[in-house]
Amino acid sequence: YVDKLSTRNQRELDKLGFKGKQFPFEPESYIGNHLMKTVAMNM
């Protein structure tokens, strides 16, 4: 659920153009790769 995520992760979703309220946890998806790999690495 997007509204339960940190400001950082919500900002990262904005970069992807994602406007939904929720998304399925899939590490190899477009959203999953970004949040679970790139964002984790950058942090």
PDB file of all heavy atoms in Angstrom:
ATOM      1  N   TYR A   1       0.833  -1.190   0.000  1.00  0.00           N
ATOM      2  CA  TYR A   1       0.000   0.000   0.000  1.00  0.00           C
ATOM      3  C   TYR A   1       0.876   1.250   0.000  1.00  0.00           C
ATOM      4  O   TYR A   1       1.700   1.455   0.895  1.00  0.00           O
ATOM      5  CB  TYR A   1      -0.937  -0.022   1.197  1.00  0.00           C
ATOM      6  CG  TYR A   1      -1.887  -1.206   1.153  1.00  0.00           C
ATOM      7  CD1 TYR A   1      -1.602  -2.382   1.852  1.00  0.00           C
ATOM      8  CD2 TYR A   1      -3.040  -1.161   0.371  1.00  0.00           C
ATOM      9  CE1 TYR A   1      -2.447  -3.479   1.785  1.00  0.00           C
ATOM     10  CE2 TYR A   1      -3.899  -2.251   0.302  1.00  0.00           C
ATOM     11  CZ  TYR A   1      -3.598  -3.412   1.006  1.00  0.00           C
ATOM     12  OH  TYR A   1      -4.432  -4.500   0.917  1.00  0.00           O
ATOM     13  N   VAL A   2       0.650   2.082  -0.992  1.00  0.00           N
ATOM     14  CA  VAL A   2       1.491   3.257  -1.201  1.00  0.00           C
ATOM     15  C   VAL A   2       1.430   4.221  -0.029  1.00  0.00           C
ATOM     16  O   VAL A   2       2.446   4.781   0.387  1.00  0.00           O
ATOM     17  CB  VAL A   2       1.084   3.978  -2.508  1.00  0.00           C
ATOM     18  CG1 VAL A   2       1.885   5.267  -2.677  1.00  0.00           C
ATOM     19  CG2 VAL A   2       1.309   3.059  -3.709  1.00  0.00           C
ATOM     20  N   ASP A   3       0.236   4.419   0.554  1.00  0.00           N
ATOM     21  CA  ASP A   3       0.114   5.399   1.638  1.00  0.00           C
ATOM     22  C   ASP A   3       0.814   4.956   2.924  1.00  0.00           C
ATOM     23  O   ASP A   3       0.981   5.750   3.855  1.00  0.00           O
ATOM     24  CB  ASP A   3      -1.350   5.735   1.916  1.00  0.00           C
ATOM     25  CG  ASP A   3      -2.172   4.533   2.370  1.00  0.00           C
ATOM     26  OD1 ASP A   3      -1.613   3.413   2.435  1.00  0.00           O
ATOM     27  OD2 ASP A   3      -3.370   4.707   2.663  1.00  0.00           O
ATOM     28  N   LYS A   4       1.235   3.676   2.965  1.00  0.00           N
ATOM     29  CA  LYS A   4       1.968   3.183   4.129  1.00  0.00           C
ATOM     30  C   LYS A   4       3.482   3.239   3.914  1.00  0.00           C
ATOM     31  O   LYS A   4       4.244   2.917   4.832  1.00  0.00           O
ATOM     32  CB  LYS A   4       1.546   1.750   4.457  1.00  0.00           C
ATOM     33  CG  LYS A   4       0.098   1.626   4.930  1.00  0.00           C
ATOM     34  CD  LYS A   4      -0.236   0.187   5.285  1.00  0.00           C
ATOM     35  CE  LYS A   4      -1.675   0.059   5.768  1.00  0.00           C
ATOM     36  NZ  LYS A   4      -2.002  -1.357   6.120  1.00  0.00           N
ATOM     37  N   LEU A   5       3.888   3.632   2.734  1.00  0.00           N
ATOM     38  CA  LEU A   5       5.318   3.714   2.423  1.00  0.00           C
ATOM     39  C   LEU A   5       5.901   5.041   2.890  1.00  0.00           C
ATOM     40  O   LEU A   5       5.191   6.032   3.085  1.00  0.00           O
ATOM     41  CB  LEU A   5       5.545   3.571   0.913  1.00  0.00           C
ATOM     42  CG  LEU A   5       5.243   2.202   0.299  1.00  0.00           C
ATOM     43  CD1 LEU A   5       5.397   2.270  -1.211  1.00  0.00           C
ATOM     44  CD2 LEU A   5       6.155   1.125   0.879  1.00  0.00           C
ATOM     45  N   SER A   6       7.199   5.066   3.037  1.00  0.00           N
ATOM     46  CA  SER A   6       7.903   6.287   3.427  1.00  0.00           C
ATOM     47  C   SER A   6       7.815   7.327   2.321  1.00  0.00           C
ATOM     48  O   SER A   6       7.514   7.017   1.157  1.00  0.00           O
ATOM     49  CB  SER A   6       9.372   5.973   3.703  1.00  0.00           C
ATOM     50  OG  SER A   6      10.028   5.568   2.502  1.00  0.00           O
ATOM     51  N   THR A   7       8.102   8.562   2.687  1.00  0.00           N
ATOM     52  CA  THR A   7       8.127   9.638   1.699  1.00  0.00           C
ATOM     53  C   THR A   7       9.137   9.331   0.602  1.00  0.00           C
ATOM     54  O   THR A   7       8.890   9.610  -0.575  1.00  0.00           O
ATOM     55  CB  THR A   7       8.475  10.977   2.378  1.00  0.00           C
ATOM     56  OG1 THR A   7       7.505  11.266   3.395  1.00  0.00           O
ATOM     57  CG2 THR A   7       8.497  12.109   1.363  1.00  0.00           C
ATOM     58  N   ARG A   8      10.256   8.733   0.990  1.00  0.00           N
ATOM     59  CA  ARG A   8      11.295   8.391   0.011  1.00  0.00           C
ATOM     60  C   ARG A   8      10.747   7.428  -1.036  1.00  0.00           C
ATOM     61  O   ARG A   8      10.904   7.631  -2.243  1.00  0.00           O
ATOM     62  CB  ARG A   8      12.506   7.781   0.721  1.00  0.00           C
ATOM     63  CG  ARG A   8      13.553   7.117  -0.205  1.00  0.00           C
ATOM     64  CD  ARG A   8      14.260   8.142  -1.093  1.00  0.00           C
ATOM     65  NE  ARG A   8      15.274   7.554  -1.937  1.00  0.00           N
ATOM     66  CZ  ARG A   8      16.553   7.415  -1.599  1.00  0.00           C
ATOM     67  NH1 ARG A   8      16.969   7.785  -0.387  1.00  0.00           N
ATOM     68  NH2 ARG A   8      17.425   6.930  -2.443  1.00  0.00           N
ATOM     69  N   ASN A   9      10.104   6.360  -0.603  1.00  0.00           N
ATOM     70  CA  ASN A   9       9.585   5.381  -1.547  1.00  0.00           C
ATOM     71  C   ASN A   9       8.437   5.937  -2.382  1.00  0.00           C
ATOM     72  O   ASN A   9       8.311   5.603  -3.567  1.00  0.00           O
ATOM     73  CB  ASN A   9       9.146   4.110  -0.814  1.00  0.00           C
ATOM     74  CG  ASN A   9      10.327   3.197  -0.522  1.00  0.00           C
ATOM     75  OD1 ASN A   9      11.183   2.976  -1.365  1.00  0.00           O
ATOM     76  ND2 ASN A   9      10.375   2.668   0.694  1.00  0.00           N
ATOM     77  N   GLN A  10       7.609   6.787  -1.802  1.00  0.00           N
ATOM     78  CA  GLN A  10       6.538   7.411  -2.573  1.00  0.00           C
ATOM     79  C   GLN A  10       7.127   8.323  -3.651  1.00  0.00           C
ATOM     80  O   GLN A  10       6.609   8.380  -4.772  1.00  0.00           O
ATOM     81  CB  GLN A  10       5.609   8.195  -1.649  1.00  0.00           C
ATOM     82  CG  GLN A  10       4.782   7.303  -0.725  1.00  0.00           C
ATOM     83  CD  GLN A  10       3.761   8.083   0.085  1.00  0.00           C
ATOM     84  OE1 GLN A  10       3.250   9.099  -0.353  1.00  0.00           O
ATOM     85  NE2 GLN A  10       3.447   7.596   1.286  1.00  0.00           N
ATOM     86  N   ARG A  11       8.188   8.993  -3.307  1.00  0.00           N
ATOM     87  CA  ARG A  11       8.862   9.856  -4.285  1.00  0.00           C
ATOM     88  C   ARG A  11       9.462   9.029  -5.421  1.00  0.00           C
ATOM     89  O   ARG A  11       9.422   9.424  -6.591  1.00  0.00           O
ATOM     90  CB  ARG A  11       9.943  10.680  -3.586  1.00  0.00           C
ATOM     91  CG  ARG A  11      10.571  11.757  -4.461  1.00  0.00           C
ATOM     92  CD  ARG A  11      11.422  12.700  -3.646  1.00  0.00           C
ATOM     93  NE  ARG A  11      12.594  12.044  -3.085  1.00  0.00           N
ATOM     94  CZ  ARG A  11      12.814  11.883  -1.790  1.00  0.00           C
ATOM     95  NH1 ARG A  11      11.918  12.306  -0.902  1.00  0.00           N
ATOM     96  NH2 ARG A  11      13.909  11.292  -1.353  1.00  0.00           N
ATOM     97  N   GLU A  12       9.996   7.857  -5.078  1.00  0.00           N
ATOM     98  CA  GLU A  12      10.565   6.978  -6.103  1.00  0.00           C
ATOM     99  C   GLU A  12       9.471   6.447  -7.033  1.00  0.00           C
ATOM    100  O   GLU A  12       9.697   6.274  -8.234  1.00  0.00           O
ATOM    101  CB  GLU A  12      11.314   5.815  -5.446  1.00  0.00           C
ATOM    102  CG  GLU A  12      12.528   6.226  -4.621  1.00  0.00           C
ATOM    103  CD  GLU A  12      13.658   6.806  -5.455  1.00  0.00           C
ATOM    104  OE1 GLU A  12      13.665   6.596  -6.682  1.00  0.00           O
ATOM    105  OE2 GLU A  12      14.550   7.461  -4.878  1.00  0.00           O
ATOM    106  N   LEU A  13       8.298   6.176  -6.496  1.00  0.00           N
ATOM    107  CA  LEU A  13       7.179   5.737  -7.328  1.00  0.00           C
ATOM    108  C   LEU A  13       6.745   6.843  -8.286  1.00  0.00           C
ATOM    109  O   LEU A  13       6.356   6.573  -9.435  1.00  0.00           O
ATOM    110  CB  LEU A  13       6.002   5.303  -6.453  1.00  0.00           C
ATOM    111  CG  LEU A  13       6.160   3.979  -5.700  1.00  0.00           C
ATOM    112  CD1 LEU A  13       4.998   3.769  -4.742  1.00  0.00           C
ATOM    113  CD2 LEU A  13       6.254   2.811  -6.679  1.00  0.00           C
ATOM    114  N   ASP A  14       6.831   8.085  -7.823  1.00  0.00           N
ATOM    115  CA  ASP A  14       6.503   9.216  -8.691  1.00  0.00           C
ATOM    116  C   ASP A  14       7.435   9.258  -9.897  1.00  0.00           C
ATOM    117  O   ASP A  14       7.018   9.605 -11.004  1.00  0.00           O
ATOM    118  CB  ASP A  14       6.603  10.536  -7.914  1.00  0.00           C
ATOM    119  CG  ASP A  14       5.441  10.732  -6.943  1.00  0.00           C
ATOM    120  OD1 ASP A  14       4.392  10.099  -7.152  1.00  0.00           O
ATOM    121  OD2 ASP A  14       5.600  11.519  -5.996  1.00  0.00           O
ATOM    122  N   LYS A  15       8.709   8.900  -9.684  1.00  0.00           N
ATOM    123  CA  LYS A  15       9.667   8.875 -10.789  1.00  0.00           C
ATOM    124  C   LYS A  15       9.235   7.895 -11.872  1.00  0.00           C
ATOM    125  O   LYS A  15       9.513   8.098 -13.055  1.00  0.00           O
ATOM    126  CB  LYS A  15      11.053   8.477 -10.286  1.00  0.00           C
ATOM    127  CG  LYS A  15      11.756   9.493  -9.425  1.00  0.00           C
ATOM    128  CD  LYS A  15      13.130   8.965  -9.035  1.00  0.00           C
ATOM    129  CE  LYS A  15      13.862   9.908  -8.105  1.00  0.00           C
ATOM    130  NZ  LYS A  15      15.186   9.353  -7.702  1.00  0.00           N
ATOM    131  N   LEU A  16       8.570   6.834 -11.446  1.00  0.00           N
ATOM    132  CA  LEU A  16       8.117   5.810 -12.385  1.00  0.00           C
ATOM    133  C   LEU A  16       6.786   6.172 -13.033  1.00  0.00           C
ATOM    134  O   LEU A  16       6.326   5.474 -13.940  1.00  0.00           O
ATOM    135  CB  LEU A  16       7.969   4.463 -11.667  1.00  0.00           C
ATOM    136  CG  LEU A  16       9.180   3.925 -10.896  1.00  0.00           C
ATOM    137  CD1 LEU A  16       8.854   2.558 -10.311  1.00  0.00           C
ATOM    138  CD2 LEU A  16      10.401   3.842 -11.791  1.00  0.00           C
ATOM    139  N   GLY A  17       6.163   7.235 -12.544  1.00  0.00           N
ATOM    140  CA  GLY A  17       4.859   7.621 -13.061  1.00  0.00           C
ATOM    141  C   GLY A  17       3.735   6.774 -12.508  1.00  0.00           C
ATOM    142  O   GLY A  17       2.630   6.748 -13.065  1.00  0.00           O
ATOM    143  N   PHE A  18       3.986   6.099 -11.388  1.00  0.00           N
ATOM    144  CA  PHE A  18       2.964   5.236 -10.795  1.00  0.00           C
ATOM    145  C   PHE A  18       2.022   6.074  -9.933  1.00  0.00           C
ATOM    146  O   PHE A  18       2.455   6.775  -9.022  1.00  0.00           O
ATOM    147  CB  PHE A  18       3.616   4.136  -9.951  1.00  0.00           C
ATOM    148  CG  PHE A  18       2.620   3.179  -9.348  1.00  0.00           C
ATOM    149  CD1 PHE A  18       2.046   2.198 -10.127  1.00  0.00           C
ATOM    150  CD2 PHE A  18       2.252   3.276  -8.013  1.00  0.00           C
ATOM    151  CE1 PHE A  18       1.111   1.310  -9.594  1.00  0.00           C
ATOM    152  CE2 PHE A  18       1.327   2.405  -7.466  1.00  0.00           C
ATOM    153  CZ  PHE A  18       0.752   1.416  -8.263  1.00  0.00           C
ATOM    154  N   LYS A  19       0.728   5.954 -10.207  1.00  0.00           N
ATOM    155  CA  LYS A  19      -0.283   6.750  -9.494  1.00  0.00           C
ATOM    156  C   LYS A  19      -1.273   5.882  -8.706  1.00  0.00           C
ATOM    157  O   LYS A  19      -2.215   6.405  -8.114  1.00  0.00           O
ATOM    158  CB  LYS A  19      -1.051   7.629 -10.485  1.00  0.00           C
ATOM    159  CG  LYS A  19      -0.174   8.569 -11.301  1.00  0.00           C
ATOM    160  CD  LYS A  19       0.590   9.538 -10.419  1.00  0.00           C
ATOM    161  CE  LYS A  19       1.441  10.485 -11.256  1.00  0.00           C
ATOM    162  NZ  LYS A  19       2.249  11.415 -10.393  1.00  0.00           N
ATOM    163  N   GLY A  20      -1.076   4.576  -8.700  1.00  0.00           N
ATOM    164  CA  GLY A  20      -2.007   3.687  -8.021  1.00  0.00           C
ATOM    165  C   GLY A  20      -1.900   3.746  -6.511  1.00  0.00           C
ATOM    166  O   GLY A  20      -0.968   4.332  -5.954  1.00  0.00           O
ATOM    167  N   LYS A  21      -2.852   3.122  -5.845  1.00  0.00           N
ATOM    168  CA  LYS A  21      -2.873   3.099  -4.382  1.00  0.00           C
ATOM    169  C   LYS A  21      -2.147   1.881  -3.821  1.00  0.00           C
ATOM    170  O   LYS A  21      -1.784   1.863  -2.646  1.00  0.00           O
ATOM    171  CB  LYS A  21      -4.318   3.119  -3.876  1.00  0.00           C
ATOM    172  CG  LYS A  21      -5.062   4.414  -4.203  1.00  0.00           C
ATOM    173  CD  LYS A  21      -6.458   4.412  -3.603  1.00  0.00           C
ATOM    174  CE  LYS A  21      -7.165   5.720  -3.883  1.00  0.00           C
ATOM    175  NZ  LYS A  21      -8.543   5.754  -3.291  1.00  0.00           N
ATOM    176  N   GLN A  22      -1.951   0.865  -4.679  1.00  0.00           N
ATOM    177  CA  GLN A  22      -1.242  -0.322  -4.236  1.00  0.00           C
ATOM    178  C   GLN A  22      -0.651  -1.042  -5.454  1.00  0.00           C
ATOM    179  O   GLN A  22      -1.029  -0.780  -6.587  1.00  0.00           O
ATOM    180  CB  GLN A  22      -2.168  -1.279  -3.480  1.00  0.00           C
ATOM    181  CG  GLN A  22      -3.256  -1.903  -4.348  1.00  0.00           C
ATOM    182  CD  GLN A  22      -4.165  -2.817  -3.564  1.00  0.00           C
ATOM    183  OE1 GLN A  22      -4.910  -2.359  -2.685  1.00  0.00           O
ATOM    184  NE2 GLN A  22      -4.117  -4.106  -3.856  1.00  0.00           N
ATOM    185  N   PHE A  23       0.289  -1.934  -5.181  1.00  0.00           N
ATOM    186  CA  PHE A  23       0.885  -2.742  -6.239  1.00  0.00           C
ATOM    187  C   PHE A  23       1.313  -4.066  -5.630  1.00  0.00           C
ATOM    188  O   PHE A  23       1.567  -4.155  -4.416  1.00  0.00           O
ATOM    189  CB  PHE A  23       2.087  -2.033  -6.891  1.00  0.00           C
ATOM    190  CG  PHE A  23       3.176  -1.648  -5.930  1.00  0.00           C
ATOM    191  CD1 PHE A  23       4.209  -2.531  -5.616  1.00  0.00           C
ATOM    192  CD2 PHE A  23       3.181  -0.390  -5.324  1.00  0.00           C
ATOM    193  CE1 PHE A  23       5.207  -2.179  -4.730  1.00  0.00           C
ATOM    194  CE2 PHE A  23       4.182  -0.020  -4.434  1.00  0.00           C
ATOM    195  CZ  PHE A  23       5.194  -0.923  -4.138  1.00  0.00           C
ATOM    196  N   PRO A  24       1.388  -5.138  -6.430  1.00  0.00           N
ATOM    197  CA  PRO A  24       1.808  -6.433  -5.887  1.00  0.00           C
ATOM    198  C   PRO A  24       3.317  -6.479  -5.689  1.00  0.00           C
ATOM    199  O   PRO A  24       4.082  -5.906  -6.468  1.00  0.00           O
ATOM    200  CB  PRO A  24       1.360  -7.421  -6.971  1.00  0.00           C
ATOM    201  CG  PRO A  24       1.388  -6.619  -8.230  1.00  0.00           C
ATOM    202  CD  PRO A  24       0.958  -5.233  -7.832  1.00  0.00           C
ATOM    203  N   PHE A  25       3.730  -7.152  -4.652  1.00  0.00           N
ATOM    204  CA  PHE A  25       5.161  -7.298  -4.377  1.00  0.00           C
ATOM    205  C   PHE A  25       5.760  -8.303  -5.364  1.00  0.00           C
ATOM    206  O   PHE A  25       5.510  -9.498  -5.270  1.00  0.00           O
ATOM    207  CB  PHE A  25       5.372  -7.773  -2.945  1.00  0.00           C
ATOM    208  CG  PHE A  25       6.817  -8.059  -2.608  1.00  0.00           C
ATOM    209  CD1 PHE A  25       7.755  -7.044  -2.625  1.00  0.00           C
ATOM    210  CD2 PHE A  25       7.234  -9.351  -2.285  1.00  0.00           C
ATOM    211  CE1 PHE A  25       9.085  -7.305  -2.319  1.00  0.00           C
ATOM    212  CE2 PHE A  25       8.556  -9.622  -1.981  1.00  0.00           C
ATOM    213  CZ  PHE A  25       9.481  -8.587  -2.001  1.00  0.00           C
ATOM    214  N   GLU A  26       6.513  -7.808  -6.323  1.00  0.00           N
ATOM    215  CA  GLU A  26       7.184  -8.630  -7.329  1.00  0.00           C
ATOM    216  C   GLU A  26       8.563  -8.025  -7.583  1.00  0.00           C
ATOM    217  O   GLU A  26       8.686  -7.066  -8.345  1.00  0.00           O
ATOM    218  CB  GLU A  26       6.384  -8.678  -8.627  1.00  0.00           C
ATOM    219  CG  GLU A  26       5.010  -9.294  -8.495  1.00  0.00           C
ATOM    220  CD  GLU A  26       4.234  -9.266  -9.811  1.00  0.00           C
ATOM    221  OE1 GLU A  26       4.875  -9.079 -10.866  1.00  0.00           O
ATOM    222  OE2 GLU A  26       3.010  -9.419  -9.767  1.00  0.00           O
ATOM    223  N   PRO A  27       9.621  -8.556  -6.956  1.00  0.00           N
ATOM    224  CA  PRO A  27      10.956  -7.969  -7.061  1.00  0.00           C
ATOM    225  C   PRO A  27      11.495  -7.807  -8.479  1.00  0.00           C
ATOM    226  O   PRO A  27      12.309  -6.936  -8.734  1.00  0.00           O
ATOM    227  CB  PRO A  27      11.825  -8.940  -6.254  1.00  0.00           C
ATOM    228  CG  PRO A  27      10.889  -9.510  -5.250  1.00  0.00           C
ATOM    229  CD  PRO A  27       9.596  -9.674  -5.998  1.00  0.00           C
ATOM    230  N   GLU A  28      11.029  -8.637  -9.442  1.00  0.00           N
ATOM    231  CA  GLU A  28      11.552  -8.541 -10.799  1.00  0.00           C
ATOM    232  C   GLU A  28      10.675  -7.695 -11.722  1.00  0.00           C
ATOM    233  O   GLU A  28      10.964  -7.569 -12.908  1.00  0.00           O
ATOM    234  CB  GLU A  28      11.714  -9.936 -11.402  1.00  0.00           C
ATOM    235  CG  GLU A  28      12.872 -10.730 -10.817  1.00  0.00           C
ATOM    236  CD  GLU A  28      14.232 -10.338 -11.368  1.00  0.00           C
ATOM    237  OE1 GLU A  28      14.710  -9.213 -11.043  1.00  0.00           O
ATOM    238  OE2 GLU A  28      14.824 -11.109 -12.122  1.00  0.00           O
ATOM    239  N   SER A  29       9.613  -7.098 -11.191  1.00  0.00           N
ATOM    240  CA  SER A  29       8.773  -6.215 -11.993  1.00  0.00           C
ATOM    241  C   SER A  29       9.463  -4.855 -12.121  1.00  0.00           C
ATOM    242  O   SER A  29      10.495  -4.593 -11.501  1.00  0.00           O
ATOM    243  CB  SER A  29       7.411  -6.037 -11.330  1.00  0.00           C
ATOM    244  OG  SER A  29       7.547  -5.304 -10.114  1.00  0.00           O
ATOM    245  N   TYR A  30       8.893  -3.977 -12.923  1.00  0.00           N
ATOM    246  CA  TYR A  30       9.446  -2.634 -13.107  1.00  0.00           C
ATOM    247  C   TYR A  30       9.526  -1.897 -11.771  1.00  0.00           C
ATOM    248  O   TYR A  30      10.578  -1.387 -11.379  1.00  0.00           O
ATOM    249  CB  TYR A  30       8.569  -1.870 -14.096  1.00  0.00           C
ATOM    250  CG  TYR A  30       9.048  -0.484 -14.458  1.00  0.00           C
ATOM    251  CD1 TYR A  30      10.388  -0.221 -14.716  1.00  0.00           C
ATOM    252  CD2 TYR A  30       8.140   0.568 -14.579  1.00  0.00           C
ATOM    253  CE1 TYR A  30      10.814   1.054 -15.067  1.00  0.00           C
ATOM    254  CE2 TYR A  30       8.547   1.838 -14.933  1.00  0.00           C
ATOM    255  CZ  TYR A  30       9.887   2.081 -15.180  1.00  0.00           C
ATOM    256  OH  TYR A  30      10.304   3.342 -15.539  1.00  0.00           O
ATOM    257  N   ILE A  31       8.412  -1.895 -11.039  1.00  0.00           N
ATOM    258  CA  ILE A  31       8.388  -1.241  -9.732  1.00  0.00           C
ATOM    259  C   ILE A  31       9.300  -1.980  -8.758  1.00  0.00           C
ATOM    260  O   ILE A  31      10.067  -1.365  -8.020  1.00  0.00           O
ATOM    261  CB  ILE A  31       6.950  -1.185  -9.178  1.00  0.00           C
ATOM    262  CG1 ILE A  31       6.088  -0.250 -10.022  1.00  0.00           C
ATOM    263  CG2 ILE A  31       6.950  -0.737  -7.713  1.00  0.00           C
ATOM    264  CD1 ILE A  31       4.624  -0.228  -9.610  1.00  0.00           C
ATOM    265  N   GLY A  32       9.202  -3.311  -8.764  1.00  0.00           N
ATOM    266  CA  GLY A  32       9.994  -4.108  -7.835  1.00  0.00           C
ATOM    267  C   GLY A  32      11.479  -3.933  -8.024  1.00  0.00           C
ATOM    268  O   GLY A  32      12.232  -3.786  -7.046  1.00  0.00           O
ATOM    269  N   ASN A  33      11.948  -3.954  -9.262  1.00  0.00           N
ATOM    270  CA  ASN A  33      13.370  -3.759  -9.518  1.00  0.00           C
ATOM    271  C   ASN A  33      13.840  -2.412  -8.982  1.00  0.00           C
ATOM    272  O   ASN A  33      14.919  -2.310  -8.401  1.00  0.00           O
ATOM    273  CB  ASN A  33      13.648  -3.832 -11.026  1.00  0.00           C
ATOM    274  CG  ASN A  33      14.063  -5.213 -11.470  1.00  0.00           C
ATOM    275  OD1 ASN A  33      15.226  -5.584 -11.364  1.00  0.00           O
ATOM    276  ND2 ASN A  33      13.109  -5.990 -11.946  1.00  0.00           N
ATOM    277  N   HIS A  34      13.036  -1.395  -9.203  1.00  0.00           N
ATOM    278  CA  HIS A  34      13.452  -0.063  -8.767  1.00  0.00           C
ATOM    279  C   HIS A  34      13.485   0.051  -7.243  1.00  0.00           C
ATOM    280  O   HIS A  34      14.505   0.444  -6.664  1.00  0.00           O
ATOM    281  CB  HIS A  34      12.532   1.003  -9.355  1.00  0.00           C
ATOM    282  CG  HIS A  34      12.986   2.394  -9.060  1.00  0.00           C
ATOM    283  ND1 HIS A  34      14.223   2.873  -9.445  1.00  0.00           N
ATOM    284  CD2 HIS A  34      12.390   3.416  -8.377  1.00  0.00           C
ATOM    285  CE1 HIS A  34      14.367   4.126  -9.029  1.00  0.00           C
ATOM    286  NE2 HIS A  34      13.273   4.471  -8.374  1.00  0.00           N
ATOM    287  N   LEU A  35      12.389  -0.330  -6.595  1.00  0.00           N
ATOM    288  CA  LEU A  35      12.329  -0.168  -5.141  1.00  0.00           C
ATOM    289  C   LEU A  35      13.218  -1.155  -4.393  1.00  0.00           C
ATOM    290  O   LEU A  35      13.882  -0.786  -3.416  1.00  0.00           O
ATOM    291  CB  LEU A  35      10.883  -0.322  -4.650  1.00  0.00           C
ATOM    292  CG  LEU A  35       9.872   0.734  -5.086  1.00  0.00           C
ATOM    293  CD1 LEU A  35       8.545   0.492  -4.385  1.00  0.00           C
ATOM    294  CD2 LEU A  35      10.376   2.144  -4.796  1.00  0.00           C
ATOM    295  N   MET A  36      13.230  -2.420  -4.834  1.00  0.00           N
ATOM    296  CA  MET A  36      13.907  -3.457  -4.074  1.00  0.00           C
ATOM    297  C   MET A  36      15.401  -3.582  -4.401  1.00  0.00           C
ATOM    298  O   MET A  36      16.157  -4.147  -3.605  1.00  0.00           O
ATOM    299  CB  MET A  36      13.225  -4.804  -4.286  1.00  0.00           C
ATOM    300  CG  MET A  36      11.732  -4.783  -3.980  1.00  0.00           C
ATOM    301  SD  MET A  36      11.340  -3.999  -2.383  1.00  0.00           S
ATOM    302  CE  MET A  36      12.192  -5.079  -1.242  1.00  0.00           C
ATOM    303  N   LYS A  37      15.815  -3.082  -5.554  1.00  0.00           N
ATOM    304  CA  LYS A  37      17.230  -3.171  -5.917  1.00  0.00           C
ATOM    305  C   LYS A  37      17.874  -1.791  -5.984  1.00  0.00           C
ATOM    306  O   LYS A  37      18.759  -1.464  -5.199  1.00  0.00           O
ATOM    307  CB  LYS A  37      17.380  -3.914  -7.250  1.00  0.00           C
ATOM    308  CG  LYS A  37      16.903  -5.357  -7.177  1.00  0.00           C
ATOM    309  CD  LYS A  37      17.028  -6.053  -8.520  1.00  0.00           C
ATOM    310  CE  LYS A  37      16.465  -7.457  -8.461  1.00  0.00           C
ATOM    311  NZ  LYS A  37      16.498  -8.148  -9.779  1.00  0.00           N
ATOM    312  N   THR A  38      17.414  -0.963  -6.920  1.00  0.00           N
ATOM    313  CA  THR A  38      18.058   0.344  -7.098  1.00  0.00           C
ATOM    314  C   THR A  38      17.924   1.230  -5.871  1.00  0.00           C
ATOM    315  O   THR A  38      18.908   1.801  -5.398  1.00  0.00           O
ATOM    316  CB  THR A  38      17.475   1.061  -8.322  1.00  0.00           C
ATOM    317  OG1 THR A  38      17.626   0.221  -9.473  1.00  0.00           O
ATOM    318  CG2 THR A  38      18.198   2.372  -8.570  1.00  0.00           C
ATOM    319  N   VAL A  39      16.720   1.359  -5.345  1.00  0.00           N
ATOM    320  CA  VAL A  39      16.521   2.229  -4.180  1.00  0.00           C
ATOM    321  C   VAL A  39      17.235   1.667  -2.961  1.00  0.00           C
ATOM    322  O   VAL A  39      17.881   2.412  -2.208  1.00  0.00           O
ATOM    323  CB  VAL A  39      15.017   2.423  -3.894  1.00  0.00           C
ATOM    324  CG1 VAL A  39      14.820   3.217  -2.600  1.00  0.00           C
ATOM    325  CG2 VAL A  39      14.345   3.150  -5.058  1.00  0.00           C
ATOM    326  N   ALA A  40      17.151   0.348  -2.761  1.00  0.00           N
ATOM    327  CA  ALA A  40      17.859  -0.277  -1.636  1.00  0.00           C
ATOM    328  C   ALA A  40      19.356  -0.019  -1.750  1.00  0.00           C
ATOM    329  O   ALA A  40      20.027   0.310  -0.755  1.00  0.00           O
ATOM    330  CB  ALA A  40      17.580  -1.774  -1.613  1.00  0.00           C
ATOM    331  N   MET A  41      19.887  -0.164  -2.955  1.00  0.00           N
ATOM    332  CA  MET A  41      21.309   0.084  -3.186  1.00  0.00           C
ATOM    333  C   MET A  41      21.660   1.543  -2.931  1.00  0.00           C
ATOM    334  O   MET A  41      22.623   1.853  -2.222  1.00  0.00           O
ATOM    335  CB  MET A  41      21.661  -0.276  -4.630  1.00  0.00           C
ATOM    336  CG  MET A  41      23.088   0.082  -5.032  1.00  0.00           C
ATOM    337  SD  MET A  41      23.396  -0.205  -6.803  1.00  0.00           S
ATOM    338  CE  MET A  41      22.376   1.107  -7.519  1.00  0.00           C
ATOM    339  N   ASN A  42      20.869   2.458  -3.492  1.00  0.00           N
ATOM    340  CA  ASN A  42      21.170   3.882  -3.341  1.00  0.00           C
ATOM    341  C   ASN A  42      21.115   4.338  -1.887  1.00  0.00           C
ATOM    342  O   ASN A  42      21.920   5.170  -1.453  1.00  0.00           O
ATOM    343  CB  ASN A  42      20.216   4.717  -4.190  1.00  0.00           C
ATOM    344  CG  ASN A  42      20.558   4.671  -5.666  1.00  0.00           C
ATOM    345  OD1 ASN A  42      21.679   4.323  -6.045  1.00  0.00           O
ATOM    346  ND2 ASN A  42      19.610   5.018  -6.515  1.00  0.00           N
ATOM    347  N   MET A  43      20.178   3.800  -1.139  1.00  0.00           N
ATOM    348  CA  MET A  43      20.098   4.165   0.283  1.00  0.00           C
ATOM    349  C   MET A  43      21.357   3.721   1.016  1.00  0.00           C
ATOM    350  O   MET A  43      21.859   4.423   1.899  1.00  0.00           O
ATOM    351  CB  MET A  43      18.846   3.565   0.917  1.00  0.00           C
ATOM    352  CG  MET A  43      17.557   4.230   0.467  1.00  0.00           C
ATOM    353  SD  MET A  43      16.079   3.777   1.458  1.00  0.00           S
ATOM    354  CE  MET A  43      15.926   2.040   1.076  1.00  0.00           C
TER     355      MET A  43
END
